[in-house]
Amino acid sequence: MYKEVLTFAIKKIVLKPSEVTVTELPGDKKVLEIHVDAEDRGRLIGRDGRTIHALRTLLRAVTPVGEDIVLTVAQ
């Protein structure tokens, strides 16, 4: 559920919503990697990282208690 909420929010921020994908990386921790168009990367991160910080806060709000998820932006 949290991937869908995150994807929905990101698609509302970027200029090319069709290029947005959120993938879960394999490993011990849950890591979500956001893929956006190169032109939208700055918009996603925001000034001083405010937008990505807000997305991490949103992710924490929809994640079950006790579950940690790391959010990264793909290069």
PDB file of N, CA and C in Angstrom:
ATOM      1  N   MET A   1       0.813  -1.190   0.000  1.00  0.00           N
ATOM      2  CA  MET A   1       0.000   0.000   0.000  1.00  0.00           C
ATOM      3  C   MET A   1       0.862   1.262   0.000  1.00  0.00           C
ATOM      4  N   TYR A   2       1.966   1.228   0.754  1.00  0.00           N
ATOM      5  CA  TYR A   2       2.797   2.427   0.859  1.00  0.00           C
ATOM      6  C   TYR A   2       3.452   2.783  -0.475  1.00  0.00           C
ATOM      7  N   LYS A   3       3.753   1.779  -1.314  1.00  0.00           N
ATOM      8  CA  LYS A   3       4.340   2.074  -2.622  1.00  0.00           C
ATOM      9  C   LYS A   3       3.345   2.821  -3.498  1.00  0.00           C
ATOM     10  N   GLU A   4       2.081   2.451  -3.424  1.00  0.00           N
ATOM     11  CA  GLU A   4       1.055   3.113  -4.226  1.00  0.00           C
ATOM     12  C   GLU A   4       0.847   4.559  -3.793  1.00  0.00           C
ATOM     13  N   VAL A   5       0.850   4.789  -2.491  1.00  0.00           N
ATOM     14  CA  VAL A   5       0.682   6.151  -1.972  1.00  0.00           C
ATOM     15  C   VAL A   5       1.859   7.017  -2.393  1.00  0.00           C
ATOM     16  N   LEU A   6       3.055   6.470  -2.267  1.00  0.00           N
ATOM     17  CA  LEU A   6       4.263   7.203  -2.642  1.00  0.00           C
ATOM     18  C   LEU A   6       4.277   7.503  -4.137  1.00  0.00           C
ATOM     19  N   THR A   7       3.935   6.521  -4.949  1.00  0.00           N
ATOM     20  CA  THR A   7       3.890   6.716  -6.402  1.00  0.00           C
ATOM     21  C   THR A   7       2.874   7.782  -6.778  1.00  0.00           C
ATOM     22  N   PHE A   8       1.711   7.749  -6.159  1.00  0.00           N
ATOM     23  CA  PHE A   8       0.670   8.740  -6.429  1.00  0.00           C
ATOM     24  C   PHE A   8       1.168  10.151  -6.122  1.00  0.00           C
ATOM     25  N   ALA A   9       1.792  10.325  -4.957  1.00  0.00           N
ATOM     26  CA  ALA A   9       2.282  11.648  -4.553  1.00  0.00           C
ATOM     27  C   ALA A   9       3.377  12.145  -5.493  1.00  0.00           C
ATOM     28  N   ILE A  10       4.290  11.264  -5.874  1.00  0.00           N
ATOM     29  CA  ILE A  10       5.388  11.659  -6.758  1.00  0.00           C
ATOM     30  C   ILE A  10       4.865  12.057  -8.133  1.00  0.00           C
ATOM     31  N   LYS A  11       3.880  11.335  -8.639  1.00  0.00           N
ATOM     32  CA  LYS A  11       3.317  11.651  -9.958  1.00  0.00           C
ATOM     33  C   LYS A  11       2.670  13.028  -9.981  1.00  0.00           C
ATOM     34  N   LYS A  12       2.204  13.508  -8.828  1.00  0.00           N
ATOM     35  CA  LYS A  12       1.608  14.846  -8.754  1.00  0.00           C
ATOM     36  C   LYS A  12       2.672  15.944  -8.714  1.00  0.00           C
ATOM     37  N   ILE A  13       3.915  15.584  -8.390  1.00  0.00           N
ATOM     38  CA  ILE A  13       4.991  16.565  -8.257  1.00  0.00           C
ATOM     39  C   ILE A  13       5.743  16.760  -9.568  1.00  0.00           C
ATOM     40  N   VAL A  14       6.032  15.687 -10.271  1.00  0.00           N
ATOM     41  CA  VAL A  14       6.914  15.738 -11.437  1.00  0.00           C
ATOM     42  C   VAL A  14       6.185  16.195 -12.702  1.00  0.00           C
ATOM     43  N   LEU A  15       6.967  16.575 -13.706  1.00  0.00           N
ATOM     44  CA  LEU A  15       6.395  17.017 -14.978  1.00  0.00           C
ATOM     45  C   LEU A  15       6.098  15.852 -15.922  1.00  0.00           C
ATOM     46  N   LYS A  16       6.802  14.733 -15.742  1.00  0.00           N
ATOM     47  CA  LYS A  16       6.592  13.557 -16.579  1.00  0.00           C
ATOM     48  C   LYS A  16       6.170  12.374 -15.706  1.00  0.00           C
ATOM     49  N   PRO A  17       4.888  12.335 -15.318  1.00  0.00           N
ATOM     50  CA  PRO A  17       4.440  11.279 -14.405  1.00  0.00           C
ATOM     51  C   PRO A  17       4.505   9.872 -15.004  1.00  0.00           C
ATOM     52  N   SER A  18       4.515   9.772 -16.304  1.00  0.00           N
ATOM     53  CA  SER A  18       4.585   8.443 -16.921  1.00  0.00           C
ATOM     54  C   SER A  18       5.949   7.794 -16.722  1.00  0.00           C
ATOM     55  N   GLU A  19       6.955   8.570 -16.357  1.00  0.00           N
ATOM     56  CA  GLU A  19       8.316   8.059 -16.151  1.00  0.00           C
ATOM     57  C   GLU A  19       8.580   7.632 -14.715  1.00  0.00           C
ATOM     58  N   VAL A  20       7.599   7.766 -13.836  1.00  0.00           N
ATOM     59  CA  VAL A  20       7.789   7.467 -12.411  1.00  0.00           C
ATOM     60  C   VAL A  20       7.630   5.971 -12.147  1.00  0.00           C
ATOM     61  N   THR A  21       8.630   5.389 -11.489  1.00  0.00           N
ATOM     62  CA  THR A  21       8.518   4.020 -10.984  1.00  0.00           C
ATOM     63  C   THR A  21       9.141   3.972  -9.596  1.00  0.00           C
ATOM     64  N   VAL A  22       8.548   3.172  -8.760  1.00  0.00           N
ATOM     65  CA  VAL A  22       9.071   2.944  -7.414  1.00  0.00           C
ATOM     66  C   VAL A  22       9.309   1.446  -7.297  1.00  0.00           C
ATOM     67  N   THR A  23      10.565   1.062  -7.061  1.00  0.00           N
ATOM     68  CA  THR A  23      10.903  -0.353  -6.967  1.00  0.00           C
ATOM     69  C   THR A  23      11.459  -0.664  -5.586  1.00  0.00           C
ATOM     70  N   GLU A  24      11.179  -1.881  -5.131  1.00  0.00           N
ATOM     71  CA  GLU A  24      11.705  -2.337  -3.847  1.00  0.00           C
ATOM     72  C   GLU A  24      12.956  -3.157  -4.112  1.00  0.00           C
ATOM     73  N   LEU A  25      14.058  -2.743  -3.504  1.00  0.00           N
ATOM     74  CA  LEU A  25      15.329  -3.432  -3.706  1.00  0.00           C
ATOM     75  C   LEU A  25      15.441  -4.616  -2.750  1.00  0.00           C
ATOM     76  N   PRO A  26      16.019  -5.720  -3.209  1.00  0.00           N
ATOM     77  CA  PRO A  26      16.180  -6.880  -2.328  1.00  0.00           C
ATOM     78  C   PRO A  26      17.258  -6.626  -1.277  1.00  0.00           C
ATOM     79  N   GLY A  27      17.099  -7.260  -0.139  1.00  0.00           N
ATOM     80  CA  GLY A  27      18.088  -7.118   0.923  1.00  0.00           C
ATOM     81  C   GLY A  27      17.470  -7.270   2.288  1.00  0.00           C
ATOM     82  N   ASP A  28      18.280  -7.048   3.316  1.00  0.00           N
ATOM     83  CA  ASP A  28      17.818  -7.180   4.697  1.00  0.00           C
ATOM     84  C   ASP A  28      16.811  -6.089   5.063  1.00  0.00           C
ATOM     85  N   LYS A  29      17.092  -4.857   4.633  1.00  0.00           N
ATOM     86  CA  LYS A  29      16.201  -3.732   4.905  1.00  0.00           C
ATOM     87  C   LYS A  29      15.267  -3.528   3.721  1.00  0.00           C
ATOM     88  N   LYS A  30      14.131  -2.905   3.984  1.00  0.00           N
ATOM     89  CA  LYS A  30      13.245  -2.514   2.894  1.00  0.00           C
ATOM     90  C   LYS A  30      13.757  -1.190   2.342  1.00  0.00           C
ATOM     91  N   VAL A  31      14.135  -1.200   1.090  1.00  0.00           N
ATOM     92  CA  VAL A  31      14.634   0.005   0.432  1.00  0.00           C
ATOM     93  C   VAL A  31      13.774   0.254  -0.794  1.00  0.00           C
ATOM     94  N   LEU A  32      13.185   1.433  -0.870  1.00  0.00           N
ATOM     95  CA  LEU A  32      12.407   1.828  -2.039  1.00  0.00           C
ATOM     96  C   LEU A  32      13.241   2.805  -2.852  1.00  0.00           C
ATOM     97  N   GLU A  33      13.371   2.514  -4.130  1.00  0.00           N
ATOM     98  CA  GLU A  33      14.146   3.368  -5.017  1.00  0.00           C
ATOM     99  C   GLU A  33      13.202   4.038  -6.001  1.00  0.00           C
ATOM    100  N   ILE A  34      13.296   5.351  -6.085  1.00  0.00           N
ATOM    101  CA  ILE A  34      12.439   6.136  -6.966  1.00  0.00           C
ATOM    102  C   ILE A  34      13.188   6.417  -8.257  1.00  0.00           C
ATOM    103  N   HIS A  35      12.552   6.115  -9.369  1.00  0.00           N
ATOM    104  CA  HIS A  35      13.104   6.412 -10.690  1.00  0.00           C
ATOM    105  C   HIS A  35      12.212   7.462 -11.340  1.00  0.00           C
ATOM    106  N   VAL A  36      12.810   8.588 -11.699  1.00  0.00           N
ATOM    107  CA  VAL A  36      12.099   9.646 -12.419  1.00  0.00           C
ATOM    108  C   VAL A  36      12.969  10.104 -13.578  1.00  0.00           C
ATOM    109  N   ASP A  37      12.378  10.867 -14.472  1.00  0.00           N
ATOM    110  CA  ASP A  37      13.129  11.447 -15.582  1.00  0.00           C
ATOM    111  C   ASP A  37      14.212  12.371 -15.016  1.00  0.00           C
ATOM    112  N   ALA A  38      15.327  12.469 -15.713  1.00  0.00           N
ATOM    113  CA  ALA A  38      16.459  13.281 -15.242  1.00  0.00           C
ATOM    114  C   ALA A  38      16.059  14.733 -14.988  1.00  0.00           C
ATOM    115  N   GLU A  39      15.162  15.257 -15.795  1.00  0.00           N
ATOM    116  CA  GLU A  39      14.731  16.642 -15.625  1.00  0.00           C
ATOM    117  C   GLU A  39      13.890  16.838 -14.367  1.00  0.00           C
ATOM    118  N   ASP A  40      13.249  15.780 -13.893  1.00  0.00           N
ATOM    119  CA  ASP A  40      12.383  15.869 -12.726  1.00  0.00           C
ATOM    120  C   ASP A  40      13.111  15.585 -11.410  1.00  0.00           C
ATOM    121  N   ARG A  41      14.351  15.150 -11.478  1.00  0.00           N
ATOM    122  CA  ARG A  41      15.072  14.772 -10.261  1.00  0.00           C
ATOM    123  C   ARG A  41      15.198  15.948  -9.294  1.00  0.00           C
ATOM    124  N   GLY A  42      15.534  17.119  -9.795  1.00  0.00           N
ATOM    125  CA  GLY A  42      15.645  18.301  -8.941  1.00  0.00           C
ATOM    126  C   GLY A  42      14.315  18.700  -8.344  1.00  0.00           C
ATOM    127  N   ARG A  43      13.269  18.578  -9.103  1.00  0.00           N
ATOM    128  CA  ARG A  43      11.924  18.887  -8.620  1.00  0.00           C
ATOM    129  C   ARG A  43      11.522  17.913  -7.512  1.00  0.00           C
ATOM    130  N   LEU A  44      11.909  16.647  -7.666  1.00  0.00           N
ATOM    131  CA  LEU A  44      11.586  15.627  -6.672  1.00  0.00           C
ATOM    132  C   LEU A  44      12.334  15.876  -5.364  1.00  0.00           C
ATOM    133  N   ILE A  45      13.590  16.255  -5.453  1.00  0.00           N
ATOM    134  CA  ILE A  45      14.385  16.501  -4.249  1.00  0.00           C
ATOM    135  C   ILE A  45      13.969  17.815  -3.599  1.00  0.00           C
ATOM    136  N   GLY A  46      13.764  18.843  -4.395  1.00  0.00           N
ATOM    137  CA  GLY A  46      13.308  20.130  -3.871  1.00  0.00           C
ATOM    138  C   GLY A  46      14.438  20.967  -3.300  1.00  0.00           C
ATOM    139  N   ARG A  47      14.128  22.203  -3.033  1.00  0.00           N
ATOM    140  CA  ARG A  47      15.114  23.121  -2.475  1.00  0.00           C
ATOM    141  C   ARG A  47      15.485  22.668  -1.071  1.00  0.00           C
ATOM    142  N   ASP A  48      16.773  22.504  -0.852  1.00  0.00           N
ATOM    143  CA  ASP A  48      17.316  22.029   0.428  1.00  0.00           C
ATOM    144  C   ASP A  48      16.746  20.674   0.842  1.00  0.00           C
ATOM    145  N   GLY A  49      16.238  19.889  -0.126  1.00  0.00           N
ATOM    146  CA  GLY A  49      15.727  18.559   0.173  1.00  0.00           C
ATOM    147  C   GLY A  49      14.364  18.543   0.840  1.00  0.00           C
ATOM    148  N   ARG A  50      13.656  19.637   0.763  1.00  0.00           N
ATOM    149  CA  ARG A  50      12.367  19.735   1.454  1.00  0.00           C
ATOM    150  C   ARG A  50      11.331  18.774   0.898  1.00  0.00           C
ATOM    151  N   THR A  51      11.273  18.632  -0.406  1.00  0.00           N
ATOM    152  CA  THR A  51      10.253  17.770  -1.006  1.00  0.00           C
ATOM    153  C   THR A  51      10.505  16.309  -0.682  1.00  0.00           C
ATOM    154  N   ILE A  52      11.736  15.845  -0.835  1.00  0.00           N
ATOM    155  CA  ILE A  52      12.037  14.445  -0.534  1.00  0.00           C
ATOM    156  C   ILE A  52      11.861  14.171   0.958  1.00  0.00           C
ATOM    157  N   HIS A  53      12.158  15.157   1.795  1.00  0.00           N
ATOM    158  CA  HIS A  53      11.934  15.000   3.235  1.00  0.00           C
ATOM    159  C   HIS A  53      10.438  14.849   3.527  1.00  0.00           C
ATOM    160  N   ALA A  54       9.614  15.626   2.852  1.00  0.00           N
ATOM    161  CA  ALA A  54       8.159  15.523   3.028  1.00  0.00           C
ATOM    162  C   ALA A  54       7.656  14.160   2.556  1.00  0.00           C
ATOM    163  N   LEU A  55       8.224  13.646   1.473  1.00  0.00           N
ATOM    164  CA  LEU A  55       7.831  12.320   0.997  1.00  0.00           C
ATOM    165  C   LEU A  55       8.237  11.235   1.991  1.00  0.00           C
ATOM    166  N   ARG A  56       9.388  11.387   2.612  1.00  0.00           N
ATOM    167  CA  ARG A  56       9.811  10.416   3.643  1.00  0.00           C
ATOM    168  C   ARG A  56       8.878  10.472   4.848  1.00  0.00           C
ATOM    169  N   THR A  57       8.429  11.662   5.207  1.00  0.00           N
ATOM    170  CA  THR A  57       7.480  11.818   6.304  1.00  0.00           C
ATOM    171  C   THR A  57       6.154  11.150   5.950  1.00  0.00           C
ATOM    172  N   LEU A  58       5.688  11.343   4.728  1.00  0.00           N
ATOM    173  CA  LEU A  58       4.463  10.691   4.255  1.00  0.00           C
ATOM    174  C   LEU A  58       4.617   9.178   4.293  1.00  0.00           C
ATOM    175  N   LEU A  59       5.762   8.692   3.872  1.00  0.00           N
ATOM    176  CA  LEU A  59       6.028   7.254   3.872  1.00  0.00           C
ATOM    177  C   LEU A  59       5.985   6.700   5.297  1.00  0.00           C
ATOM    178  N   ARG A  60       6.549   7.431   6.248  1.00  0.00           N
ATOM    179  CA  ARG A  60       6.509   6.991   7.643  1.00  0.00           C
ATOM    180  C   ARG A  60       5.083   6.937   8.173  1.00  0.00           C
ATOM    181  N   ALA A  61       4.229   7.848   7.690  1.00  0.00           N
ATOM    182  CA  ALA A  61       2.846   7.905   8.169  1.00  0.00           C
ATOM    183  C   ALA A  61       2.019   6.711   7.684  1.00  0.00           C
ATOM    184  N   VAL A  62       2.329   6.175   6.515  1.00  0.00           N
ATOM    185  CA  VAL A  62       1.536   5.072   5.960  1.00  0.00           C
ATOM    186  C   VAL A  62       2.184   3.710   6.174  1.00  0.00           C
ATOM    187  N   THR A  63       3.379   3.675   6.753  1.00  0.00           N
ATOM    188  CA  THR A  63       4.079   2.417   6.995  1.00  0.00           C
ATOM    189  C   THR A  63       3.629   1.832   8.329  1.00  0.00           C
ATOM    190  N   PRO A  64       3.435   0.523   8.398  1.00  0.00           N
ATOM    191  CA  PRO A  64       3.060  -0.097   9.678  1.00  0.00           C
ATOM    192  C   PRO A  64       4.091   0.194  10.769  1.00  0.00           C
ATOM    193  N   VAL A  65       3.611   0.264  11.993  1.00  0.00           N
ATOM    194  CA  VAL A  65       4.467   0.562  13.146  1.00  0.00           C
ATOM    195  C   VAL A  65       5.544  -0.511  13.280  1.00  0.00           C
ATOM    196  N   GLY A  66       6.766  -0.070  13.504  1.00  0.00           N
ATOM    197  CA  GLY A  66       7.882  -0.985  13.687  1.00  0.00           C
ATOM    198  C   GLY A  66       8.575  -1.394  12.393  1.00  0.00           C
ATOM    199  N   GLU A  67       8.072  -0.952  11.275  1.00  0.00           N
ATOM    200  CA  GLU A  67       8.679  -1.293   9.989  1.00  0.00           C
ATOM    201  C   GLU A  67       9.449  -0.076   9.463  1.00  0.00           C
ATOM    202  N   ASP A  68      10.723  -0.258   9.197  1.00  0.00           N
ATOM    203  CA  ASP A  68      11.562   0.828   8.682  1.00  0.00           C
ATOM    204  C   ASP A  68      11.751   0.667   7.178  1.00  0.00           C
ATOM    205  N   ILE A  69      11.605   1.761   6.465  1.00  0.00           N
ATOM    206  CA  ILE A  69      11.787   1.762   5.022  1.00  0.00           C
ATOM    207  C   ILE A  69      12.724   2.906   4.667  1.00  0.00           C
ATOM    208  N   VAL A  70      13.708   2.597   3.832  1.00  0.00           N
ATOM    209  CA  VAL A  70      14.659   3.594   3.356  1.00  0.00           C
ATOM    210  C   VAL A  70      14.201   4.040   1.965  1.00  0.00           C
ATOM    211  N   LEU A  71      14.207   5.339   1.735  1.00  0.00           N
ATOM    212  CA  LEU A  71      13.778   5.908   0.460  1.00  0.00           C
ATOM    213  C   LEU A  71      14.977   6.517  -0.240  1.00  0.00           C
ATOM    214  N   THR A  72      15.247   6.102  -1.479  1.00  0.00           N
ATOM    215  CA  THR A  72      16.359   6.638  -2.248  1.00  0.00           C
ATOM    216  C   THR A  72      15.877   7.096  -3.624  1.00  0.00           C
ATOM    217  N   VAL A  73      16.636   8.010  -4.220  1.00  0.00           N
ATOM    218  CA  VAL A  73      16.344   8.493  -5.567  1.00  0.00           C
ATOM    219  C   VAL A  73      17.433   7.950  -6.476  1.00  0.00           C
ATOM    220  N   ALA A  74      17.040   7.254  -7.535  1.00  0.00           N
ATOM    221  CA  ALA A  74      17.995   6.662  -8.477  1.00  0.00           C
ATOM    222  C   ALA A  74      18.678   7.747  -9.291  1.00  0.00           C
ATOM    223  N   GLN A  75      19.926   7.511  -9.635  1.00  0.00           N
ATOM    224  CA  GLN A  75      20.691   8.453 -10.454  1.00  0.00           C
ATOM    225  C   GLN A  75      20.325   8.351 -11.906  1.00  0.00           C
TER     226      GLN A  75
END
